[in-house]
Amino acid sequence: MAKRSFLVLRKKRSFQFLVNRKLRELKNIVPGSPVGTDVDTLLHTTAEYICYLELQVLVLRRLSLICGV
C-alpha cells in the first residue's frame, strides 16, 4: 500500500512540475507578465494578449485588402 501512495505522490509531483514549467514558459512568452504574477493574473493577461493579437491580424488583413496585396 505504501508503494502505491508513493507512486501517486510521485505522479502528482511530476504533474505539478510540468504545470509549473508551462506557466514559466507562458510568463516568458506573454509581454507584461511580471515574475511574481499569480496564475489567475497570468491567465487573464494571456487572454488579453490573445485578443490583442487577433485584433492585429484583423487590422492587417483589412489593410491588405485595401492596399490590394
Protein backbone atom coordinates (compact mmCIF):
# COMPACT_ATOMS: atom_id res chain seq x y z
CA MET A 1 0.00 0.00 0.00
CA ALA A 2 2.84 2.39 0.80
CA LYS A 3 4.32 1.81 -2.65
CA ARG A 4 1.06 2.82 -4.31
CA SER A 5 0.75 6.03 -2.30
CA PHE A 6 4.37 6.80 -3.19
CA LEU A 7 3.57 6.37 -6.90
CA VAL A 8 0.51 8.59 -6.61
CA LEU A 9 2.56 11.24 -4.84
CA ARG A 10 5.28 10.95 -7.47
CA LYS A 11 2.77 11.36 -10.32
CA LYS A 12 1.24 14.34 -8.56
CA ARG A 13 4.67 15.94 -8.15
CA SER A 14 5.62 15.32 -11.77
CA PHE A 15 2.29 16.76 -12.92
CA GLN A 16 2.79 19.83 -10.74
CA PHE A 17 6.33 20.17 -12.10
CA LEU A 18 5.01 20.11 -15.67
CA VAL A 19 2.33 22.68 -14.88
CA ASN A 20 4.86 24.99 -13.25
CA ARG A 21 7.20 24.62 -16.21
CA LYS A 22 4.42 25.51 -18.65
CA LEU A 23 3.46 28.53 -16.54
CA ARG A 24 7.07 29.74 -16.59
CA GLU A 25 7.13 29.35 -20.38
CA LEU A 26 3.89 31.29 -20.63
CA LYS A 27 5.33 34.09 -18.49
CA ASN A 28 8.26 34.32 -20.89
CA ILE A 29 6.01 34.49 -23.96
CA VAL A 30 3.35 36.94 -22.78
CA PRO A 31 4.59 40.52 -22.50
CA GLY A 32 3.65 42.44 -19.40
CA SER A 33 3.61 39.48 -17.04
CA PRO A 34 5.98 40.17 -14.14
CA VAL A 35 7.89 37.38 -12.42
CA GLY A 36 5.71 37.32 -9.28
CA THR A 37 2.41 37.11 -11.17
CA ASP A 38 -0.13 34.64 -9.79
CA VAL A 39 -1.82 32.11 -12.07
CA ASP A 40 -5.15 33.96 -12.33
CA THR A 41 -3.47 37.20 -13.35
CA LEU A 42 -1.21 35.38 -15.79
CA LEU A 43 -4.16 33.67 -17.48
CA HIS A 44 -6.08 36.95 -17.63
CA THR A 45 -3.07 38.74 -19.13
CA THR A 46 -2.66 35.89 -21.62
CA ALA A 47 -6.31 36.15 -22.69
CA GLU A 48 -5.94 39.90 -23.21
CA TYR A 49 -2.77 39.34 -25.23
CA ILE A 50 -4.53 36.78 -27.44
CA CYS A 51 -7.35 39.29 -28.09
CA TYR A 52 -4.74 41.92 -28.94
CA LEU A 53 -3.03 39.57 -31.41
CA GLU A 54 -6.36 38.65 -33.01
CA LEU A 55 -7.13 42.35 -33.44
CA GLN A 56 -3.74 42.91 -35.06
CA VAL A 57 -4.40 40.08 -37.52
CA LEU A 58 -7.81 41.56 -38.35
CA VAL A 59 -6.35 45.02 -38.96
CA LEU A 60 -3.54 43.65 -41.12
CA ARG A 61 -6.00 41.59 -43.19
CA ARG A 62 -8.17 44.65 -43.77
CA LEU A 63 -5.14 46.74 -44.71
CA SER A 64 -4.02 44.10 -47.18
CA LEU A 65 -7.50 44.13 -48.77
CA ILE A 66 -7.45 47.92 -49.03
CA CYS A 67 -3.94 48.02 -50.47
CA GLY A 68 -4.61 45.09 -52.80
CA VAL A 69 -1.79 42.94 -51.52
